[in-house]
């Protein structure tokens, strides 16, 4: 009795879990237009590569601004 209901359930699940076959059909994005895919992949991977460089540049600019502000106040004191 239990074995028969398990078999019916697994058959039901297998029948309902059909998906389209073919290359690229199981991906969460479309690969039909190769140029659009190129743009999206470049933006995705390029942003991940560029973010550390932007962070370092921002930190360096903060340091340079602080350096000039400190020296500017020293110059005003000496006058």
N, C-alpha and C. Protein backbone atom coordinates (compact mmCIF):
# COMPACT_ATOMS: atom_id res chain seq x y z
N UNK A 1 0.83 -1.19 0.00
CA UNK A 1 0.00 0.00 0.00
C UNK A 1 0.87 1.25 0.00
N UNK A 2 1.80 1.34 0.94
CA UNK A 2 2.69 2.50 1.01
C UNK A 2 3.60 2.56 -0.21
N UNK A 3 4.11 1.40 -0.62
CA UNK A 3 4.99 1.35 -1.79
C UNK A 3 4.28 1.80 -3.05
N UNK A 4 3.02 1.44 -3.18
CA UNK A 4 2.26 1.82 -4.37
C UNK A 4 2.01 3.33 -4.39
N UNK A 5 1.71 3.92 -3.26
CA UNK A 5 1.47 5.37 -3.22
C UNK A 5 2.77 6.14 -3.47
N UNK A 6 3.90 5.61 -2.99
CA UNK A 6 5.19 6.26 -3.27
C UNK A 6 5.49 6.20 -4.76
N UNK A 7 5.21 5.05 -5.38
CA UNK A 7 5.47 4.91 -6.81
C UNK A 7 4.59 5.86 -7.61
N UNK A 8 3.32 5.98 -7.23
CA UNK A 8 2.43 6.92 -7.92
C UNK A 8 2.91 8.36 -7.78
N UNK A 9 3.36 8.70 -6.56
CA UNK A 9 3.83 10.06 -6.31
C UNK A 9 5.08 10.36 -7.14
N UNK A 10 6.05 9.45 -7.17
CA UNK A 10 7.27 9.70 -7.95
C UNK A 10 6.97 9.79 -9.44
N UNK A 11 6.05 8.98 -9.93
CA UNK A 11 5.66 9.06 -11.34
C UNK A 11 5.03 10.41 -11.63
N UNK A 12 4.18 10.89 -10.73
CA UNK A 12 3.53 12.18 -10.88
C UNK A 12 4.57 13.31 -10.91
N UNK A 13 5.54 13.26 -10.01
CA UNK A 13 6.57 14.30 -9.93
C UNK A 13 7.42 14.30 -11.19
N UNK A 14 7.80 13.13 -11.68
CA UNK A 14 8.63 13.04 -12.88
C UNK A 14 7.88 13.59 -14.08
N UNK A 15 6.61 13.31 -14.20
CA UNK A 15 5.83 13.81 -15.34
C UNK A 15 5.69 15.33 -15.31
N UNK A 16 5.57 15.89 -14.11
CA UNK A 16 5.39 17.34 -13.99
C UNK A 16 6.68 18.13 -14.08
N UNK A 17 7.82 17.48 -14.00
CA UNK A 17 9.09 18.21 -13.97
C UNK A 17 9.75 18.27 -15.33
N UNK A 18 8.99 18.31 -16.38
CA UNK A 18 9.56 18.40 -17.72
C UNK A 18 10.03 19.83 -17.99
N UNK A 19 11.11 19.96 -18.70
CA UNK A 19 11.65 21.27 -19.05
C UNK A 19 12.12 21.23 -20.50
N UNK A 20 12.31 22.40 -21.07
CA UNK A 20 12.76 22.47 -22.46
C UNK A 20 14.17 21.91 -22.58
N UNK A 21 14.40 21.23 -23.66
CA UNK A 21 15.72 20.65 -23.87
C UNK A 21 16.49 21.47 -24.89
N UNK A 22 17.79 21.38 -24.83
CA UNK A 22 18.65 22.09 -25.77
C UNK A 22 19.67 22.93 -25.03
N UNK A 23 20.66 23.37 -25.77
CA UNK A 23 21.71 24.16 -25.14
C UNK A 23 21.19 25.54 -24.78
N UNK A 24 21.50 25.97 -23.58
CA UNK A 24 21.11 27.30 -23.12
C UNK A 24 19.71 27.40 -22.56
N UNK A 25 18.94 26.34 -22.60
CA UNK A 25 17.56 26.40 -22.09
C UNK A 25 17.50 26.30 -20.57
N UNK A 26 18.56 25.79 -19.95
CA UNK A 26 18.55 25.63 -18.50
C UNK A 26 19.27 26.77 -17.79
N UNK A 27 19.60 27.83 -18.50
CA UNK A 27 20.29 28.98 -17.92
C UNK A 27 19.28 30.04 -17.48
N UNK A 28 19.59 30.83 -16.46
CA UNK A 28 18.65 31.87 -16.01
C UNK A 28 18.68 33.13 -16.86
N UNK A 29 19.39 33.12 -17.97
CA UNK A 29 19.43 34.27 -18.87
C UNK A 29 19.41 33.75 -20.30
N UNK A 30 19.11 34.63 -21.24
CA UNK A 30 19.00 34.23 -22.64
C UNK A 30 20.35 34.28 -23.32
N UNK A 31 20.61 33.27 -24.15
CA UNK A 31 21.84 33.25 -24.93
C UNK A 31 21.53 33.33 -26.42
N UNK A 32 20.33 33.77 -26.75
CA UNK A 32 19.91 33.86 -28.15
C UNK A 32 20.64 34.98 -28.89
N UNK A 33 20.78 36.14 -28.25
CA UNK A 33 21.45 37.29 -28.87
C UNK A 33 22.86 37.39 -28.29
N UNK A 34 23.85 37.03 -29.10
CA UNK A 34 25.22 36.97 -28.57
C UNK A 34 25.78 38.34 -28.25
N UNK A 35 25.33 39.39 -28.93
CA UNK A 35 25.86 40.73 -28.66
C UNK A 35 25.32 41.27 -27.35
N UNK A 36 24.05 41.03 -27.08
CA UNK A 36 23.47 41.45 -25.80
C UNK A 36 24.11 40.67 -24.66
N UNK A 37 24.35 39.39 -24.88
CA UNK A 37 25.02 38.57 -23.87
C UNK A 37 26.42 39.10 -23.61
N UNK A 38 27.13 39.53 -24.66
CA UNK A 38 28.47 40.10 -24.49
C UNK A 38 28.42 41.36 -23.64
N UNK A 39 27.46 42.24 -23.91
CA UNK A 39 27.33 43.49 -23.15
C UNK A 39 27.03 43.19 -21.68
N UNK A 40 26.08 42.31 -21.43
CA UNK A 40 25.69 42.00 -20.05
C UNK A 40 26.83 41.33 -19.29
N UNK A 41 27.51 40.38 -19.93
CA UNK A 41 28.62 39.70 -19.25
C UNK A 41 29.78 40.66 -19.00
N UNK A 42 30.05 41.57 -19.95
CA UNK A 42 31.12 42.54 -19.76
C UNK A 42 30.81 43.47 -18.60
N UNK A 43 29.57 43.95 -18.52
CA UNK A 43 29.18 44.81 -17.40
C UNK A 43 29.25 44.07 -16.07
N UNK A 44 28.80 42.84 -16.06
CA UNK A 44 28.78 42.06 -14.82
C UNK A 44 30.20 41.80 -14.32
N UNK A 45 31.04 41.23 -15.17
CA UNK A 45 32.39 40.90 -14.73
C UNK A 45 33.28 42.14 -14.65
N UNK A 46 33.05 43.12 -15.53
CA UNK A 46 33.84 44.34 -15.49
C UNK A 46 33.60 45.15 -14.23
N UNK A 47 32.35 45.18 -13.77
CA UNK A 47 32.07 45.93 -12.54
C UNK A 47 32.73 45.26 -11.34
N UNK A 48 32.72 43.96 -11.30
CA UNK A 48 33.38 43.25 -10.21
C UNK A 48 34.88 43.46 -10.21
N UNK A 49 35.46 43.61 -11.39
CA UNK A 49 36.90 43.83 -11.51
C UNK A 49 37.26 45.28 -11.17
N UNK A 50 36.40 46.24 -11.54
CA UNK A 50 36.72 47.66 -11.41
C UNK A 50 36.45 48.23 -10.01
N UNK A 51 35.56 47.64 -9.26
CA UNK A 51 35.18 48.20 -7.96
C UNK A 51 36.37 48.38 -7.02
N UNK A 52 37.28 47.41 -6.87
CA UNK A 52 38.43 47.65 -5.98
C UNK A 52 39.28 48.84 -6.40
N UNK A 53 39.43 49.05 -7.70
CA UNK A 53 40.22 50.19 -8.18
C UNK A 53 39.54 51.51 -7.84
N UNK A 54 38.22 51.57 -7.96
CA UNK A 54 37.49 52.78 -7.59
C UNK A 54 37.60 53.04 -6.09
N UNK A 55 37.55 52.00 -5.29
CA UNK A 55 37.67 52.17 -3.84
C UNK A 55 39.05 52.70 -3.47
N UNK A 56 40.10 52.13 -4.06
CA UNK A 56 41.46 52.61 -3.78
C UNK A 56 41.63 54.05 -4.23
N UNK A 57 41.11 54.40 -5.40
CA UNK A 57 41.19 55.78 -5.88
C UNK A 57 40.48 56.74 -4.95
N UNK A 58 39.33 56.34 -4.45
CA UNK A 58 38.58 57.19 -3.52
C UNK A 58 39.37 57.40 -2.23
N UNK A 59 39.97 56.34 -1.71
CA UNK A 59 40.75 56.46 -0.49
C UNK A 59 41.97 57.36 -0.70
N UNK A 60 42.62 57.23 -1.84
CA UNK A 60 43.78 58.09 -2.13
C UNK A 60 43.38 59.55 -2.26
N UNK A 61 42.24 59.81 -2.90
CA UNK A 61 41.77 61.19 -3.01
C UNK A 61 41.43 61.78 -1.64
N UNK A 62 40.85 60.97 -0.77
CA UNK A 62 40.57 61.45 0.59
C UNK A 62 41.86 61.81 1.31
N UNK A 63 42.89 60.99 1.13
CA UNK A 63 44.17 61.25 1.79
C UNK A 63 44.81 62.52 1.24
N UNK A 64 44.76 62.72 -0.07
CA UNK A 64 45.35 63.92 -0.67
C UNK A 64 44.61 65.17 -0.21
N UNK A 65 43.27 65.10 -0.15
CA UNK A 65 42.49 66.25 0.31
C UNK A 65 42.84 66.59 1.76
N UNK A 66 42.98 65.56 2.59
CA UNK A 66 43.33 65.78 3.99
C UNK A 66 44.72 66.40 4.10
N UNK A 67 45.65 65.95 3.28
CA UNK A 67 47.01 66.48 3.28
C UNK A 67 46.99 67.97 2.95
N UNK A 68 46.24 68.36 1.91
CA UNK A 68 46.18 69.77 1.53
C UNK A 68 45.47 70.61 2.58
N UNK A 69 44.44 70.07 3.21
CA UNK A 69 43.75 70.82 4.26
C UNK A 69 44.66 71.06 5.45
N UNK A 70 45.44 70.07 5.83
CA UNK A 70 46.35 70.24 6.97
C UNK A 70 47.43 71.27 6.65
N UNK A 71 47.98 71.22 5.45
CA UNK A 71 49.02 72.17 5.09
C UNK A 71 48.47 73.58 4.88
N UNK A 72 47.23 73.66 4.46
CA UNK A 72 46.61 74.98 4.28
C UNK A 72 46.44 75.66 5.64
N UNK A 73 46.04 74.92 6.65
CA UNK A 73 45.89 75.51 7.99
C UNK A 73 47.25 75.87 8.57
N UNK A 74 48.29 75.09 8.28
CA UNK A 74 49.64 75.43 8.74
C UNK A 74 50.13 76.71 8.10
N UNK A 75 49.82 76.91 6.82
CA UNK A 75 50.24 78.12 6.11
C UNK A 75 49.55 79.35 6.70
N UNK A 76 48.26 79.23 7.05
CA UNK A 76 47.53 80.36 7.62
C UNK A 76 48.08 80.72 8.99
N UNK A 77 48.51 79.74 9.76
CA UNK A 77 49.06 80.01 11.08
C UNK A 77 50.40 80.72 10.98
N UNK A 78 51.18 80.40 9.97
CA UNK A 78 52.51 81.00 9.87
C UNK A 78 52.45 82.45 9.38
N UNK A 79 51.34 82.85 8.80
CA UNK A 79 51.23 84.22 8.30
C UNK A 79 50.83 85.16 9.36
